[in-house]
C-alpha atoms as a PDB file:
ATOM      1  CA  MET A   1      61.001 171.194 130.168  1.00  0.00           C
ATOM      2  CA  GLU A   2      64.202 172.390 129.383  1.00  0.00           C
ATOM      3  CA  GLN A   3      67.131 170.180 128.572  1.00  0.00           C
ATOM      4  CA  LYS A   4      69.747 169.901 131.628  1.00  0.00           C
ATOM      5  CA  THR A   5      72.492 167.961 129.423  1.00  0.00           C
ATOM      6  CA  LYS A   6      73.351 171.045 126.924  1.00  0.00           C
ATOM      7  CA  VAL A   7      74.673 169.987 123.308  1.00  0.00           C
ATOM      8  CA  HIS A   8      76.265 172.861 121.252  1.00  0.00           C
ATOM      9  CA  ALA A   9      76.906 172.074 117.801  1.00  0.00           C
ATOM     10  CA  GLU A  10      78.579 175.041 115.905  1.00  0.00           C
ATOM     11  CA  GLU A  11      77.541 175.251 112.301  1.00  0.00           C
ATOM     12  CA  GLY A  12      80.536 174.179 110.117  1.00  0.00           C
ATOM     13  CA  LYS A  13      82.257 172.397 112.667  1.00  0.00           C
ATOM     14  CA  GLN A  14      83.180 168.867 112.806  1.00  0.00           C
ATOM     15  CA  ASP A  15      82.840 168.596 116.921  1.00  0.00           C
ATOM     16  CA  LEU A  16      80.518 169.166 119.584  1.00  0.00           C
ATOM     17  CA  THR A  17      80.526 170.295 122.770  1.00  0.00           C
ATOM     18  CA  ILE A  18      78.140 169.016 125.799  1.00  0.00           C
ATOM     19  CA  THR A  19      77.694 170.219 129.164  1.00  0.00           C
ATOM     20  CA  ARG A  20      75.490 169.033 132.351  1.00  0.00           C
ATOM     21  CA  ASP A  21      75.963 170.046 136.125  1.00  0.00           C
ATOM     22  CA  PHE A  22      75.286 167.617 138.305  1.00  0.00           C
ATOM     23  CA  GLU A  23      74.213 167.191 142.125  1.00  0.00           C
ATOM     24  CA  LEU A  24      77.290 165.043 142.903  1.00  0.00           C
ATOM     25  CA  PRO A  25      80.525 165.424 144.289  1.00  0.00           C
ATOM     26  CA  VAL A  26      83.395 165.257 141.167  1.00  0.00           C
ATOM     27  CA  GLU A  27      84.327 161.792 142.632  1.00  0.00           C
ATOM     28  CA  LEU A  28      81.346 160.170 142.379  1.00  0.00           C
ATOM     29  CA  LEU A  29      80.740 162.084 139.041  1.00  0.00           C
ATOM     30  CA  PHE A  30      84.046 160.115 137.882  1.00  0.00           C
ATOM     31  CA  ARG A  31      83.275 156.655 139.151  1.00  0.00           C
ATOM     32  CA  ALA A  32      79.734 157.059 137.129  1.00  0.00           C
ATOM     33  CA  HIS A  33      81.687 156.760 133.945  1.00  0.00           C
ATOM     34  CA  ALA A  34      85.048 154.791 135.547  1.00  0.00           C
ATOM     35  CA  GLU A  35      83.173 152.100 137.181  1.00  0.00           C
ATOM     36  CA  HIS A  36      81.558 149.244 134.788  1.00  0.00           C
ATOM     37  CA  ASP A  37      78.594 147.928 137.204  1.00  0.00           C
ATOM     38  CA  LEU A  38      77.671 151.601 137.365  1.00  0.00           C
ATOM     39  CA  ILE A  39      78.172 152.199 133.805  1.00  0.00           C
ATOM     40  CA  GLU A  40      75.817 149.166 133.205  1.00  0.00           C
ATOM     41  CA  GLN A  41      73.263 150.490 135.644  1.00  0.00           C
ATOM     42  CA  TRP A  42      72.678 154.558 134.358  1.00  0.00           C
ATOM     43  CA  MET A  43      73.062 153.504 130.805  1.00  0.00           C
ATOM     44  CA  SER A  44      70.239 150.939 130.904  1.00  0.00           C
ATOM     45  CA  ASN A  45      66.664 151.943 130.390  1.00  0.00           C
ATOM     46  CA  ALA A  46      62.846 150.750 130.707  1.00  0.00           C
ATOM     47  CA  TRP A  47      63.339 149.683 127.094  1.00  0.00           C
ATOM     48  CA  THR A  48      67.092 148.162 126.543  1.00  0.00           C
ATOM     49  CA  THR A  49      69.646 146.415 129.044  1.00  0.00           C
ATOM     50  CA  THR A  50      73.332 147.850 128.434  1.00  0.00           C
ATOM     51  CA  LYS A  51      75.979 145.191 129.472  1.00  0.00           C
ATOM     52  CA  LEU A  52      79.775 146.099 129.293  1.00  0.00           C
ATOM     53  CA  PRO A  53      81.420 142.680 127.901  1.00  0.00           C
ATOM     54  CA  LYS A  54      84.617 144.219 128.054  1.00  0.00           C
ATOM     55  CA  PHE A  55      85.827 147.154 130.142  1.00  0.00           C
ATOM     56  CA  GLU A  56      89.715 147.737 131.020  1.00  0.00           C
ATOM     57  CA  ALA A  57      88.965 151.826 133.090  1.00  0.00           C
ATOM     58  CA  LYS A  58      93.114 152.268 132.565  1.00  0.00           C
ATOM     59  CA  LYS A  59      95.293 154.211 129.754  1.00  0.00           C
ATOM     60  CA  HIS A  60      95.365 151.972 126.806  1.00  0.00           C
ATOM     61  CA  GLY A  61      92.366 150.285 127.763  1.00  0.00           C
ATOM     62  CA  SER A  62      89.573 149.381 125.586  1.00  0.00           C
ATOM     63  CA  TYR A  63      85.977 148.825 125.874  1.00  0.00           C
ATOM     64  CA  GLN A  64      82.939 147.076 124.270  1.00  0.00           C
ATOM     65  CA  LEU A  65      79.221 147.871 125.369  1.00  0.00           C
ATOM     66  CA  GLU A  66      76.182 146.597 124.002  1.00  0.00           C
ATOM     67  CA  SER A  67      72.470 146.898 124.472  1.00  0.00           C
ATOM     68  CA  SER A  68      69.864 144.462 124.161  1.00  0.00           C
ATOM     69  CA  ASP A  69      65.871 144.694 124.431  1.00  0.00           C
ATOM     70  CA  ALA A  70      63.735 142.729 126.561  1.00  0.00           C
ATOM     71  CA  GLN A  71      63.631 139.616 123.840  1.00  0.00           C
ATOM     72  CA  GLY A  72      67.133 139.973 124.649  1.00  0.00           C
ATOM     73  CA  ASN A  73      68.258 140.909 120.977  1.00  0.00           C
ATOM     74  CA  VAL A  74      71.535 143.105 120.574  1.00  0.00           C
ATOM     75  CA  VAL A  75      70.212 146.230 119.218  1.00  0.00           C
ATOM     76  CA  PHE A  76      73.284 148.407 119.872  1.00  0.00           C
ATOM     77  CA  ARG A  77      76.763 147.721 120.103  1.00  0.00           C
ATOM     78  CA  ALA A  78      79.825 150.316 120.275  1.00  0.00           C
ATOM     79  CA  ASN A  79      83.697 149.686 121.373  1.00  0.00           C
ATOM     80  CA  GLY A  80      86.706 152.186 121.824  1.00  0.00           C
ATOM     81  CA  VAL A  81      90.129 152.691 123.034  1.00  0.00           C
ATOM     82  CA  ILE A  82      90.871 155.046 126.139  1.00  0.00           C
ATOM     83  CA  HIS A  83      93.721 157.367 125.586  1.00  0.00           C
ATOM     84  CA  GLU A  84      93.675 159.023 128.847  1.00  0.00           C
ATOM     85  CA  PHE A  85      92.723 158.102 132.232  1.00  0.00           C
ATOM     86  CA  ASN A  86      92.908 160.278 134.945  1.00  0.00           C
ATOM     87  CA  PRO A  87      90.598 159.960 137.851  1.00  0.00           C
ATOM     88  CA  ASN A  88      88.829 162.876 138.769  1.00  0.00           C
ATOM     89  CA  LYS A  89      90.141 164.921 136.312  1.00  0.00           C
ATOM     90  CA  LYS A  90      89.666 163.680 132.718  1.00  0.00           C
ATOM     91  CA  ILE A  91      88.585 160.691 130.067  1.00  0.00           C
ATOM     92  CA  THR A  92      90.156 160.732 126.772  1.00  0.00           C
ATOM     93  CA  ARG A  93      88.755 157.688 124.312  1.00  0.00           C
ATOM     94  CA  THR A  94      87.260 156.796 121.216  1.00  0.00           C
ATOM     95  CA  PHE A  95      84.318 155.666 120.389  1.00  0.00           C
ATOM     96  CA  GLU A  96      82.714 153.337 117.307  1.00  0.00           C
ATOM     97  CA  MET A  97      79.446 152.419 117.011  1.00  0.00           C
ATOM     98  CA  GLU A  98      79.099 149.065 115.174  1.00  0.00           C
ATOM     99  CA  ASN A  99      76.787 148.139 112.575  1.00  0.00           C
ATOM    100  CA  THR A 100      76.406 152.298 111.405  1.00  0.00           C
ATOM    101  CA  PRO A 101      77.812 154.329 108.113  1.00  0.00           C
ATOM    102  CA  PHE A 102      79.529 156.695 111.535  1.00  0.00           C
ATOM    103  CA  GLY A 103      83.470 156.285 111.623  1.00  0.00           C
ATOM    104  CA  VAL A 104      85.017 156.724 114.826  1.00  0.00           C
ATOM    105  CA  GLN A 105      85.206 159.766 117.046  1.00  0.00           C
ATOM    106  CA  LEU A 106      87.007 161.009 119.450  1.00  0.00           C
ATOM    107  CA  GLU A 107      85.783 162.008 123.542  1.00  0.00           C
ATOM    108  CA  CYS A 108      87.442 164.498 125.721  1.00  0.00           C
ATOM    109  CA  TYR A 109      85.382 164.180 129.274  1.00  0.00           C
ATOM    110  CA  GLU A 110      86.338 166.620 131.679  1.00  0.00           C
ATOM    111  CA  PHE A 111      85.157 166.549 135.236  1.00  0.00           C
ATOM    112  CA  GLU A 112      84.828 169.839 137.427  1.00  0.00           C
ATOM    113  CA  PRO A 113      84.198 170.325 140.684  1.00  0.00           C
ATOM    114  CA  LEU A 114      81.603 173.055 141.605  1.00  0.00           C
ATOM    115  CA  SER A 115      81.621 172.278 144.805  1.00  0.00           C
ATOM    116  CA  SER A 116      81.967 169.601 147.564  1.00  0.00           C
ATOM    117  CA  GLU A 117      78.898 168.328 146.488  1.00  0.00           C
ATOM    118  CA  THR A 118      78.141 169.739 142.932  1.00  0.00           C
ATOM    119  CA  SER A 119      80.286 168.862 139.707  1.00  0.00           C
ATOM    120  CA  ARG A 120      79.933 169.613 135.839  1.00  0.00           C
ATOM    121  CA  LEU A 121      80.804 167.060 133.044  1.00  0.00           C
ATOM    122  CA  ASN A 122      82.364 168.903 129.924  1.00  0.00           C
ATOM    123  CA  MET A 123      82.352 166.620 126.686  1.00  0.00           C
ATOM    124  CA  HIS A 124      84.244 167.259 123.886  1.00  0.00           C
ATOM    125  CA  VAL A 125      83.419 165.129 120.883  1.00  0.00           C
ATOM    126  CA  ILE A 126      85.206 165.260 117.976  1.00  0.00           C
ATOM    127  CA  TYR A 127      83.923 163.429 114.531  1.00  0.00           C
ATOM    128  CA  GLU A 128      85.871 162.464 111.351  1.00  0.00           C
ATOM    129  CA  SER A 129      83.802 165.409 109.730  1.00  0.00           C
ATOM    130  CA  ILE A 130      80.894 167.668 109.435  1.00  0.00           C
ATOM    131  CA  THR A 131      78.737 165.611 107.709  1.00  0.00           C
ATOM    132  CA  GLN A 132      78.987 162.620 110.552  1.00  0.00           C
ATOM    133  CA  ARG A 133      78.886 165.408 113.190  1.00  0.00           C
ATOM    134  CA  ASP A 134      75.489 166.409 111.311  1.00  0.00           C
ATOM    135  CA  GLN A 135      73.916 162.844 110.535  1.00  0.00           C
ATOM    136  CA  VAL A 136      74.323 162.331 114.620  1.00  0.00           C
ATOM    137  CA  LEU A 137      72.948 165.193 115.276  1.00  0.00           C
ATOM    138  CA  LYS A 138      69.749 164.262 113.210  1.00  0.00           C
ATOM    139  CA  MET A 139      68.989 161.173 115.500  1.00  0.00           C
ATOM    140  CA  PRO A 140      67.468 161.549 119.086  1.00  0.00           C
ATOM    141  CA  PHE A 141      71.061 161.851 120.273  1.00  0.00           C
ATOM    142  CA  ALA A 142      70.597 164.879 122.323  1.00  0.00           C
ATOM    143  CA  GLN A 143      67.582 163.366 123.939  1.00  0.00           C
ATOM    144  CA  GLY A 144      68.901 160.280 124.231  1.00  0.00           C
ATOM    145  CA  LEU A 145      71.972 161.382 126.356  1.00  0.00           C
ATOM    146  CA  GLY A 146      69.759 163.649 128.407  1.00  0.00           C
ATOM    147  CA  MET A 147      68.025 160.637 129.303  1.00  0.00           C
ATOM    148  CA  ALA A 148      71.042 158.945 130.514  1.00  0.00           C
ATOM    149  CA  HIS A 149      72.722 161.580 132.464  1.00  0.00           C
ATOM    150  CA  ASP A 150      68.885 161.776 133.976  1.00  0.00           C
ATOM    151  CA  ARG A 151      69.447 158.239 135.466  1.00  0.00           C
ATOM    152  CA  MET A 152      72.727 158.899 136.257  1.00  0.00           C
ATOM    153  CA  GLN A 153      72.150 161.238 138.014  1.00  0.00           C
ATOM    154  CA  GLU A 154      69.339 159.515 140.025  1.00  0.00           C
ATOM    155  CA  ILE A 155      71.400 156.148 140.490  1.00  0.00           C
ATOM    156  CA  LEU A 156      74.754 158.182 141.698  1.00  0.00           C
ATOM    157  CA  GLY A 157      72.734 160.552 143.938  1.00  0.00           C
ATOM    158  CA  LYS A 158      71.389 157.644 146.380  1.00  0.00           C
ATOM    159  CA  LEU A 159      75.115 156.410 147.019  1.00  0.00           C
ATOM    160  CA  LYS A 160      76.008 160.613 148.308  1.00  0.00           C
END
């Protein structure tokens, strides 16, 4: 089955682009990235529960997220700073996975209306180095992101 979330990584570059079309109005797609409760829902799955101990959806805001397994053990933590927060248009933020060799990455999320009921998420992710980007791509990164986007579509599709 073809992945709906497309990851494009050009050889020899330290960035990548990600695109995904959603059957959601742009306002709802933006809310999925700007509202605490919605983020926790679509970022959780059958194996882990994601919580945001801190989330300030605004310019100069910051966030922390953590995912725990069924026994309550934290298996993943990340944090960052929000540099740009333009409702229904763009979010620019940093993202740093804790307890990993990966450094800070810069993420630009652009929300594009395609029609009154559909929209596209365009992500541009810049890593500290080509090596770092390539290490991330060796992980099941694209599959995990695709699954999260599928959950986002499912959960937010019920809110339309």
